[in-house]
PDB file of all heavy atoms in Angstrom:
ATOM      1  N   ASP A   1    -140.667 -18.721  39.462  1.00  0.00           N
ATOM      2  CA  ASP A   1    -140.909 -17.460  38.760  1.00  0.00           C
ATOM      3  C   ASP A   1    -141.165 -17.689  37.265  1.00  0.00           C
ATOM      4  O   ASP A   1    -142.014 -17.033  36.666  1.00  0.00           O
ATOM      5  CB  ASP A   1    -139.728 -16.508  38.950  1.00  0.00           C
ATOM      6  CG  ASP A   1    -139.613 -16.001  40.379  1.00  0.00           C
ATOM      7  OD1 ASP A   1    -140.656 -15.660  40.980  1.00  0.00           O
ATOM      8  OD2 ASP A   1    -138.484 -15.964  40.905  1.00  0.00           O
ATOM      9  N   LEU A   2    -140.406 -18.602  36.673  1.00  0.00           N
ATOM     10  CA  LEU A   2    -140.611 -18.905  35.255  1.00  0.00           C
ATOM     11  C   LEU A   2    -141.997 -19.487  35.007  1.00  0.00           C
ATOM     12  O   LEU A   2    -142.665 -19.146  34.031  1.00  0.00           O
ATOM     13  CB  LEU A   2    -139.536 -19.868  34.757  1.00  0.00           C
ATOM     14  CG  LEU A   2    -138.112 -19.292  34.696  1.00  0.00           C
ATOM     15  CD1 LEU A   2    -137.122 -20.382  34.346  1.00  0.00           C
ATOM     16  CD2 LEU A   2    -138.040 -18.140  33.709  1.00  0.00           C
ATOM     17  N   ARG A   3    -142.441 -20.363  35.904  1.00  0.00           N
ATOM     18  CA  ARG A   3    -143.778 -20.955  35.761  1.00  0.00           C
ATOM     19  C   ARG A   3    -144.847 -19.874  35.922  1.00  0.00           C
ATOM     20  O   ARG A   3    -145.836 -19.862  35.178  1.00  0.00           O
ATOM     21  CB  ARG A   3    -143.957 -22.063  36.808  1.00  0.00           C
ATOM     22  CG  ARG A   3    -145.150 -22.945  36.629  1.00  0.00           C
ATOM     23  CD  ARG A   3    -145.136 -23.749  35.356  1.00  0.00           C
ATOM     24  NE  ARG A   3    -144.008 -24.624  35.250  1.00  0.00           N
ATOM     25  CZ  ARG A   3    -144.039 -25.934  35.324  1.00  0.00           C
ATOM     26  NH1 ARG A   3    -145.177 -26.550  35.513  1.00  0.00           N
ATOM     27  NH2 ARG A   3    -142.955 -26.650  35.191  1.00  0.00           N
ATOM     28  N   LEU A   4    -144.647 -18.963  36.868  1.00  0.00           N
ATOM     29  CA  LEU A   4    -145.605 -17.869  37.046  1.00  0.00           C
ATOM     30  C   LEU A   4    -145.671 -17.006  35.790  1.00  0.00           C
ATOM     31  O   LEU A   4    -146.754 -16.643  35.337  1.00  0.00           O
ATOM     32  CB  LEU A   4    -145.234 -17.021  38.268  1.00  0.00           C
ATOM     33  CG  LEU A   4    -146.130 -15.804  38.523  1.00  0.00           C
ATOM     34  CD1 LEU A   4    -147.572 -16.227  38.778  1.00  0.00           C
ATOM     35  CD2 LEU A   4    -145.599 -14.997  39.699  1.00  0.00           C
ATOM     36  N   ARG A   5    -144.516 -16.677  35.221  1.00  0.00           N
ATOM     37  CA  ARG A   5    -144.500 -15.876  33.991  1.00  0.00           C
ATOM     38  C   ARG A   5    -145.223 -16.594  32.857  1.00  0.00           C
ATOM     39  O   ARG A   5    -145.956 -15.976  32.083  1.00  0.00           O
ATOM     40  CB  ARG A   5    -143.064 -15.573  33.567  1.00  0.00           C
ATOM     41  CG  ARG A   5    -142.417 -14.517  34.402  1.00  0.00           C
ATOM     42  CD  ARG A   5    -141.079 -14.148  33.807  1.00  0.00           C
ATOM     43  NE  ARG A   5    -140.230 -13.597  34.861  1.00  0.00           N
ATOM     44  CZ  ARG A   5    -138.924 -13.578  34.818  1.00  0.00           C
ATOM     45  NH1 ARG A   5    -138.279 -14.077  33.781  1.00  0.00           N
ATOM     46  NH2 ARG A   5    -138.235 -13.054  35.795  1.00  0.00           N
ATOM     47  N   ALA A   6    -145.009 -17.892  32.735  1.00  0.00           N
ATOM     48  CA  ALA A   6    -145.687 -18.675  31.700  1.00  0.00           C
ATOM     49  C   ALA A   6    -147.194 -18.659  31.921  1.00  0.00           C
ATOM     50  O   ALA A   6    -147.971 -18.542  30.962  1.00  0.00           O
ATOM     51  CB  ALA A   6    -145.158 -20.105  31.691  1.00  0.00           C
ATOM     52  N   LEU A   7    -147.617 -18.764  33.157  1.00  0.00           N
ATOM     53  CA  LEU A   7    -149.037 -18.749  33.476  1.00  0.00           C
ATOM     54  C   LEU A   7    -149.652 -17.384  33.160  1.00  0.00           C
ATOM     55  O   LEU A   7    -150.736 -17.293  32.578  1.00  0.00           O
ATOM     56  CB  LEU A   7    -149.257 -19.102  34.949  1.00  0.00           C
ATOM     57  CG  LEU A   7    -150.685 -19.220  35.427  1.00  0.00           C
ATOM     58  CD1 LEU A   7    -151.467 -20.233  34.602  1.00  0.00           C
ATOM     59  CD2 LEU A   7    -150.714 -19.624  36.878  1.00  0.00           C
ATOM     60  N   ILE A   8    -148.960 -16.315  33.519  1.00  0.00           N
ATOM     61  CA  ILE A   8    -149.456 -14.967  33.215  1.00  0.00           C
ATOM     62  C   ILE A   8    -149.542 -14.765  31.708  1.00  0.00           C
ATOM     63  O   ILE A   8    -150.531 -14.209  31.202  1.00  0.00           O
ATOM     64  CB  ILE A   8    -148.559 -13.906  33.886  1.00  0.00           C
ATOM     65  CG1 ILE A   8    -148.727 -13.967  35.410  1.00  0.00           C
ATOM     66  CG2 ILE A   8    -148.893 -12.503  33.373  1.00  0.00           C
ATOM     67  CD1 ILE A   8    -147.713 -13.149  36.185  1.00  0.00           C
ATOM     68  N   ALA A   9    -148.519 -15.214  30.975  1.00  0.00           N
ATOM     69  CA  ALA A   9    -148.545 -15.094  29.518  1.00  0.00           C
ATOM     70  C   ALA A   9    -149.710 -15.882  28.929  1.00  0.00           C
ATOM     71  O   ALA A   9    -150.396 -15.416  27.998  1.00  0.00           O
ATOM     72  CB  ALA A   9    -147.221 -15.585  28.934  1.00  0.00           C
ATOM     73  N   PHE A  10    -149.968 -17.071  29.475  1.00  0.00           N
ATOM     74  CA  PHE A  10    -151.094 -17.877  29.006  1.00  0.00           C
ATOM     75  C   PHE A  10    -152.406 -17.135  29.244  1.00  0.00           C
ATOM     76  O   PHE A  10    -153.243 -17.042  28.349  1.00  0.00           O
ATOM     77  CB  PHE A  10    -151.117 -19.238  29.715  1.00  0.00           C
ATOM     78  CG  PHE A  10    -152.281 -20.084  29.304  1.00  0.00           C
ATOM     79  CD1 PHE A  10    -152.194 -20.905  28.200  1.00  0.00           C
ATOM     80  CD2 PHE A  10    -153.478 -20.042  30.011  1.00  0.00           C
ATOM     81  CE1 PHE A  10    -153.270 -21.676  27.796  1.00  0.00           C
ATOM     82  CE2 PHE A  10    -154.561 -20.799  29.618  1.00  0.00           C
ATOM     83  CZ  PHE A  10    -154.459 -21.621  28.509  1.00  0.00           C
ATOM     84  N   ARG A  11    -152.579 -16.590  30.434  1.00  0.00           N
ATOM     85  CA  ARG A  11    -153.829 -15.881  30.755  1.00  0.00           C
ATOM     86  C   ARG A  11    -153.996 -14.652  29.884  1.00  0.00           C
ATOM     87  O   ARG A  11    -155.097 -14.321  29.467  1.00  0.00           O
ATOM     88  CB  ARG A  11    -153.865 -15.488  32.229  1.00  0.00           C
ATOM     89  CG  ARG A  11    -154.100 -16.692  33.126  1.00  0.00           C
ATOM     90  CD  ARG A  11    -154.219 -16.301  34.554  1.00  0.00           C
ATOM     91  NE  ARG A  11    -155.538 -15.732  34.790  1.00  0.00           N
ATOM     92  CZ  ARG A  11    -155.822 -14.914  35.786  1.00  0.00           C
ATOM     93  NH1 ARG A  11    -154.893 -14.563  36.639  1.00  0.00           N
ATOM     94  NH2 ARG A  11    -157.032 -14.454  35.960  1.00  0.00           N
ATOM     95  N   ASP A  12    -152.882 -13.948  29.611  1.00  0.00           N
ATOM     96  CA  ASP A  12    -152.963 -12.765  28.758  1.00  0.00           C
ATOM     97  C   ASP A  12    -153.366 -13.127  27.329  1.00  0.00           C
ATOM     98  O   ASP A  12    -154.157 -12.419  26.713  1.00  0.00           O
ATOM     99  CB  ASP A  12    -151.619 -12.022  28.746  1.00  0.00           C
ATOM    100  CG  ASP A  12    -151.329 -11.319  30.067  1.00  0.00           C
ATOM    101  OD1 ASP A  12    -152.259 -11.162  30.887  1.00  0.00           O
ATOM    102  OD2 ASP A  12    -150.157 -10.927  30.279  1.00  0.00           O
ATOM    103  N   SER A  13    -152.816 -14.221  26.818  1.00  0.00           N
ATOM    104  CA  SER A  13    -153.116 -14.592  25.432  1.00  0.00           C
ATOM    105  C   SER A  13    -154.471 -15.287  25.287  1.00  0.00           C
ATOM    106  O   SER A  13    -155.173 -15.076  24.305  1.00  0.00           O
ATOM    107  CB  SER A  13    -152.008 -15.480  24.862  1.00  0.00           C
ATOM    108  OG  SER A  13    -151.998 -16.733  25.503  1.00  0.00           O
ATOM    109  N   GLU A  14    -154.850 -16.117  26.270  1.00  0.00           N
ATOM    110  CA  GLU A  14    -156.086 -16.894  26.166  1.00  0.00           C
ATOM    111  C   GLU A  14    -157.280 -16.243  26.870  1.00  0.00           C
ATOM    112  O   GLU A  14    -158.425 -16.596  26.603  1.00  0.00           O
ATOM    113  CB  GLU A  14    -155.882 -18.305  26.733  1.00  0.00           C
ATOM    114  CG  GLU A  14    -154.831 -19.118  26.007  1.00  0.00           C
ATOM    115  CD  GLU A  14    -155.237 -19.473  24.594  1.00  0.00           C
ATOM    116  OE1 GLU A  14    -156.432 -19.753  24.374  1.00  0.00           O
ATOM    117  OE2 GLU A  14    -154.368 -19.466  23.718  1.00  0.00           O
ATOM    118  N   GLY A  15    -157.008 -15.366  27.823  1.00  0.00           N
ATOM    119  CA  GLY A  15    -158.082 -14.715  28.559  1.00  0.00           C
ATOM    120  C   GLY A  15    -158.762 -15.609  29.577  1.00  0.00           C
ATOM    121  O   GLY A  15    -159.907 -15.364  29.965  1.00  0.00           O
ATOM    122  N   ARG A  16    -158.091 -16.653  30.014  1.00  0.00           N
ATOM    123  CA  ARG A  16    -158.675 -17.596  30.973  1.00  0.00           C
ATOM    124  C   ARG A  16    -157.558 -18.357  31.678  1.00  0.00           C
ATOM    125  O   ARG A  16    -156.409 -18.327  31.259  1.00  0.00           O
ATOM    126  CB  ARG A  16    -159.597 -18.591  30.272  1.00  0.00           C
ATOM    127  CG  ARG A  16    -158.865 -19.429  29.231  1.00  0.00           C
ATOM    128  CD  ARG A  16    -159.770 -20.478  28.602  1.00  0.00           C
ATOM    129  NE  ARG A  16    -159.129 -21.159  27.511  1.00  0.00           N
ATOM    130  CZ  ARG A  16    -158.249 -22.159  27.637  1.00  0.00           C
ATOM    131  NH1 ARG A  16    -157.930 -22.606  28.834  1.00  0.00           N
ATOM    132  NH2 ARG A  16    -157.712 -22.730  26.576  1.00  0.00           N
ATOM    133  N   ASP A  17    -157.938 -19.066  32.756  1.00  0.00           N
ATOM    134  CA  ASP A  17    -156.993 -19.946  33.426  1.00  0.00           C
ATOM    135  C   ASP A  17    -156.845 -21.219  32.602  1.00  0.00           C
ATOM    136  O   ASP A  17    -157.754 -21.603  31.861  1.00  0.00           O
ATOM    137  CB  ASP A  17    -157.501 -20.325  34.826  1.00  0.00           C
ATOM    138  CG  ASP A  17    -157.332 -19.198  35.836  1.00  0.00           C
ATOM    139  OD1 ASP A  17    -156.608 -18.231  35.546  1.00  0.00           O
ATOM    140  OD2 ASP A  17    -157.932 -19.309  36.923  1.00  0.00           O
ATOM    141  N   PRO A  18    -155.725 -21.910  32.729  1.00  0.00           N
ATOM    142  CA  PRO A  18    -155.548 -23.167  31.992  1.00  0.00           C
ATOM    143  C   PRO A  18    -156.479 -24.259  32.521  1.00  0.00           C
ATOM    144  O   PRO A  18    -156.844 -24.274  33.688  1.00  0.00           O
ATOM    145  CB  PRO A  18    -154.080 -23.519  32.239  1.00  0.00           C
ATOM    146  CG  PRO A  18    -153.693 -22.773  33.456  1.00  0.00           C
ATOM    147  CD  PRO A  18    -154.552 -21.555  33.518  1.00  0.00           C
ATOM    148  N   TYR A  19    -156.859 -25.171  31.617  1.00  0.00           N
ATOM    149  CA  TYR A  19    -157.743 -26.283  31.964  1.00  0.00           C
ATOM    150  C   TYR A  19    -156.935 -27.539  32.272  1.00  0.00           C
ATOM    151  O   TYR A  19    -155.918 -27.809  31.643  1.00  0.00           O
ATOM    152  CB  TYR A  19    -158.692 -26.624  30.807  1.00  0.00           C
ATOM    153  CG  TYR A  19    -159.665 -25.547  30.449  1.00  0.00           C
ATOM    154  CD1 TYR A  19    -159.816 -25.149  29.132  1.00  0.00           C
ATOM    155  CD2 TYR A  19    -160.445 -24.936  31.417  1.00  0.00           C
ATOM    156  CE1 TYR A  19    -160.732 -24.160  28.788  1.00  0.00           C
ATOM    157  CE2 TYR A  19    -161.353 -23.940  31.081  1.00  0.00           C
ATOM    158  CZ  TYR A  19    -161.493 -23.559  29.768  1.00  0.00           C
ATOM    159  OH  TYR A  19    -162.379 -22.587  29.432  1.00  0.00           O
ATOM    160  N   PHE A  20    -157.436 -28.331  33.223  1.00  0.00           N
ATOM    161  CA  PHE A  20    -156.810 -29.620  33.529  1.00  0.00           C
ATOM    162  C   PHE A  20    -156.909 -30.580  32.354  1.00  0.00           C
ATOM    163  O   PHE A  20    -156.010 -31.348  32.090  1.00  0.00           O
ATOM    164  CB  PHE A  20    -157.478 -30.280  34.746  1.00  0.00           C
ATOM    165  CG  PHE A  20    -156.976 -29.753  36.043  1.00  0.00           C
ATOM    166  CD1 PHE A  20    -157.699 -28.820  36.755  1.00  0.00           C
ATOM    167  CD2 PHE A  20    -155.778 -30.181  36.562  1.00  0.00           C
ATOM    168  CE1 PHE A  20    -157.240 -28.338  37.951  1.00  0.00           C
ATOM    169  CE2 PHE A  20    -155.300 -29.707  37.764  1.00  0.00           C
ATOM    170  CZ  PHE A  20    -156.038 -28.777  38.460  1.00  0.00           C
ATOM    171  N   ARG A  21    -158.020 -30.552  31.675  1.00  0.00           N
ATOM    172  CA  ARG A  21    -158.266 -31.505  30.587  1.00  0.00           C
ATOM    173  C   ARG A  21    -157.902 -30.932  29.225  1.00  0.00           C
ATOM    174  O   ARG A  21    -158.498 -31.288  28.211  1.00  0.00           O
ATOM    175  CB  ARG A  21    -159.721 -31.931  30.600  1.00  0.00           C
ATOM    176  CG  ARG A  21    -160.050 -32.690  31.851  1.00  0.00           C
ATOM    177  CD  ARG A  21    -161.437 -33.188  31.828  1.00  0.00           C
ATOM    178  NE  ARG A  21    -161.658 -33.954  33.049  1.00  0.00           N
ATOM    179  CZ  ARG A  21    -162.813 -34.321  33.479  1.00  0.00           C
ATOM    180  NH1 ARG A  21    -163.891 -34.018  32.799  1.00  0.00           N
ATOM    181  NH2 ARG A  21    -162.927 -35.008  34.587  1.00  0.00           N
ATOM    182  N   ALA A  22    -156.924 -30.052  29.218  1.00  0.00           N
ATOM    183  CA  ALA A  22    -156.497 -29.434  27.968  1.00  0.00           C
ATOM    184  C   ALA A  22    -155.838 -30.458  27.063  1.00  0.00           C
ATOM    185  O   ALA A  22    -155.237 -31.427  27.520  1.00  0.00           O
ATOM    186  CB  ALA A  22    -155.517 -28.308  28.257  1.00  0.00           C
ATOM    187  N   SER A  23    -155.955 -30.226  25.782  1.00  0.00           N
ATOM    188  CA  SER A  23    -155.332 -31.146  24.822  1.00  0.00           C
ATOM    189  C   SER A  23    -153.832 -30.906  24.706  1.00  0.00           C
ATOM    190  O   SER A  23    -153.099 -31.783  24.264  1.00  0.00           O
ATOM    191  CB  SER A  23    -155.994 -31.002  23.456  1.00  0.00           C
ATOM    192  OG  SER A  23    -155.869 -29.666  23.002  1.00  0.00           O
ATOM    193  N   THR A  24    -153.374 -29.741  25.099  1.00  0.00           N
ATOM    194  CA  THR A  24    -151.934 -29.463  25.034  1.00  0.00           C
ATOM    195  C   THR A  24    -151.298 -29.734  26.391  1.00  0.00           C
ATOM    196  O   THR A  24    -151.807 -29.293  27.422  1.00  0.00           O
ATOM    197  CB  THR A  24    -151.666 -27.997  24.626  1.00  0.00           C
ATOM    198  OG1 THR A  24    -152.298 -27.141  25.567  1.00  0.00           O
ATOM    199  CG2 THR A  24    -152.215 -27.702  23.243  1.00  0.00           C
ATOM    200  N   PRO A  25    -150.188 -30.457  26.400  1.00  0.00           N
ATOM    201  CA  PRO A  25    -149.533 -30.794  27.668  1.00  0.00           C
ATOM    202  C   PRO A  25    -149.091 -29.559  28.461  1.00  0.00           C
ATOM    203  O   PRO A  25    -149.157 -29.549  29.678  1.00  0.00           O
ATOM    204  CB  PRO A  25    -148.324 -31.631  27.253  1.00  0.00           C
ATOM    205  CG  PRO A  25    -148.609 -32.085  25.870  1.00  0.00           C
ATOM    206  CD  PRO A  25    -149.521 -31.071  25.260  1.00  0.00           C
ATOM    207  N   GLY A  26    -148.647 -28.524  27.772  1.00  0.00           N
ATOM    208  CA  GLY A  26    -148.196 -27.319  28.472  1.00  0.00           C
ATOM    209  C   GLY A  26    -149.312 -26.668  29.279  1.00  0.00           C
ATOM    210  O   GLY A  26    -149.107 -26.243  30.413  1.00  0.00           O
ATOM    211  N   GLU A  27    -150.495 -26.601  28.685  1.00  0.00           N
ATOM    212  CA  GLU A  27    -151.629 -26.017  29.397  1.00  0.00           C
ATOM    213  C   GLU A  27    -152.007 -26.871  30.600  1.00  0.00           C
ATOM    214  O   GLU A  27    -152.282 -26.349  31.678  1.00  0.00           O
ATOM    215  CB  GLU A  27    -152.827 -25.866  28.460  1.00  0.00           C
ATOM    216  CG  GLU A  27    -154.020 -25.205  29.132  1.00  0.00           C
ATOM    217  CD  GLU A  27    -155.203 -24.996  28.202  1.00  0.00           C
ATOM    218  OE1 GLU A  27    -155.072 -25.216  26.982  1.00  0.00           O
ATOM    219  OE2 GLU A  27    -156.266 -24.604  28.719  1.00  0.00           O
ATOM    220  N   HIS A  28    -151.989 -28.178  30.432  1.00  0.00           N
ATOM    221  CA  HIS A  28    -152.300 -29.075  31.544  1.00  0.00           C
ATOM    222  C   HIS A  28    -151.303 -28.879  32.689  1.00  0.00           C
ATOM    223  O   HIS A  28    -151.692 -28.797  33.853  1.00  0.00           O
ATOM    224  CB  HIS A  28    -152.295 -30.535  31.078  1.00  0.00           C
ATOM    225  CG  HIS A  28    -152.446 -31.508  32.198  1.00  0.00           C
ATOM    226  ND1 HIS A  28    -153.651 -31.722  32.829  1.00  0.00           N
ATOM    227  CD2 HIS A  28    -151.538 -32.285  32.839  1.00  0.00           C
ATOM    228  CE1 HIS A  28    -153.480 -32.608  33.791  1.00  0.00           C
ATOM    229  NE2 HIS A  28    -152.203 -32.961  33.823  1.00  0.00           N
ATOM    230  N   ARG A  29    -150.011 -28.794  32.360  1.00  0.00           N
ATOM    231  CA  ARG A  29    -148.994 -28.593  33.403  1.00  0.00           C
ATOM    232  C   ARG A  29    -149.203 -27.271  34.139  1.00  0.00           C
ATOM    233  O   ARG A  29    -149.039 -27.195  35.352  1.00  0.00           O
ATOM    234  CB  ARG A  29    -147.589 -28.663  32.807  1.00  0.00           C
ATOM    235  CG  ARG A  29    -147.142 -30.088  32.517  1.00  0.00           C
ATOM    236  CD  ARG A  29    -145.660 -30.169  32.177  1.00  0.00           C
ATOM    237  NE  ARG A  29    -145.290 -29.426  30.987  1.00  0.00           N
ATOM    238  CZ  ARG A  29    -145.340 -29.916  29.745  1.00  0.00           C
ATOM    239  NH1 ARG A  29    -145.733 -31.151  29.542  1.00  0.00           N
ATOM    240  NH2 ARG A  29    -144.970 -29.176  28.717  1.00  0.00           N
ATOM    241  N   LEU A  30    -149.578 -26.223  33.409  1.00  0.00           N
ATOM    242  CA  LEU A  30    -149.851 -24.931  34.058  1.00  0.00           C
ATOM    243  C   LEU A  30    -151.055 -25.034  34.990  1.00  0.00           C
ATOM    244  O   LEU A  30    -151.058 -24.462  36.085  1.00  0.00           O
ATOM    245  CB  LEU A  30    -150.076 -23.834  33.011  1.00  0.00           C
ATOM    246  CG  LEU A  30    -148.857 -23.340  32.272  1.00  0.00           C
ATOM    247  CD1 LEU A  30    -149.269 -22.351  31.186  1.00  0.00           C
ATOM    248  CD2 LEU A  30    -147.860 -22.693  33.230  1.00  0.00           C
ATOM    249  N   ALA A  31    -152.085 -25.766  34.566  1.00  0.00           N
ATOM    250  CA  ALA A  31    -153.279 -25.941  35.404  1.00  0.00           C
ATOM    251  C   ALA A  31    -152.926 -26.682  36.684  1.00  0.00           C
ATOM    252  O   ALA A  31    -153.377 -26.310  37.778  1.00  0.00           O
ATOM    253  CB  ALA A  31    -154.359 -26.694  34.630  1.00  0.00           C
ATOM    254  N   VAL A  32    -152.109 -27.720  36.569  1.00  0.00           N
ATOM    255  CA  VAL A  32    -151.694 -28.485  37.747  1.00  0.00           C
ATOM    256  C   VAL A  32    -150.868 -27.603  38.673  1.00  0.00           C
ATOM    257  O   VAL A  32    -151.068 -27.589  39.889  1.00  0.00           O
ATOM    258  CB  VAL A  32    -150.907 -29.749  37.325  1.00  0.00           C
ATOM    259  CG1 VAL A  32    -150.246 -30.415  38.521  1.00  0.00           C
ATOM    260  CG2 VAL A  32    -151.833 -30.723  36.615  1.00  0.00           C
ATOM    261  N   TRP A  33    -149.937 -26.844  38.108  1.00  0.00           N
ATOM    262  CA  TRP A  33    -149.087 -25.966  38.919  1.00  0.00           C
ATOM    263  C   TRP A  33    -149.920 -24.921  39.672  1.00  0.00           C
ATOM    264  O   TRP A  33    -149.733 -24.701  40.862  1.00  0.00           O
ATOM    265  CB  TRP A  33    -148.044 -25.280  38.040  1.00  0.00           C
ATOM    266  CG  TRP A  33    -147.074 -24.444  38.813  1.00  0.00           C
ATOM    267  CD1 TRP A  33    -145.964 -24.881  39.458  1.00  0.00           C
ATOM    268  CD2 TRP A  33    -147.147 -23.040  39.049  1.00  0.00           C
ATOM    269  NE1 TRP A  33    -145.328 -23.824  40.074  1.00  0.00           N
ATOM    270  CE2 TRP A  33    -146.034 -22.674  39.837  1.00  0.00           C
ATOM    271  CE3 TRP A  33    -148.034 -22.041  38.652  1.00  0.00           C
ATOM    272  CZ2 TRP A  33    -145.789 -21.380  40.246  1.00  0.00           C
ATOM    273  CZ3 TRP A  33    -147.797 -20.739  39.065  1.00  0.00           C
ATOM    274  CH2 TRP A  33    -146.694 -20.422  39.854  1.00  0.00           C
TER     275      TRP A  33
END
């Protein structure tokens, strides 16, 4: 549930799904999840 909330917050703030090749580790982990 925490990972889902983080993913929703990311999509709300960025307006997109996270990228695998993101420069930030958090975004990469969300993309993998």
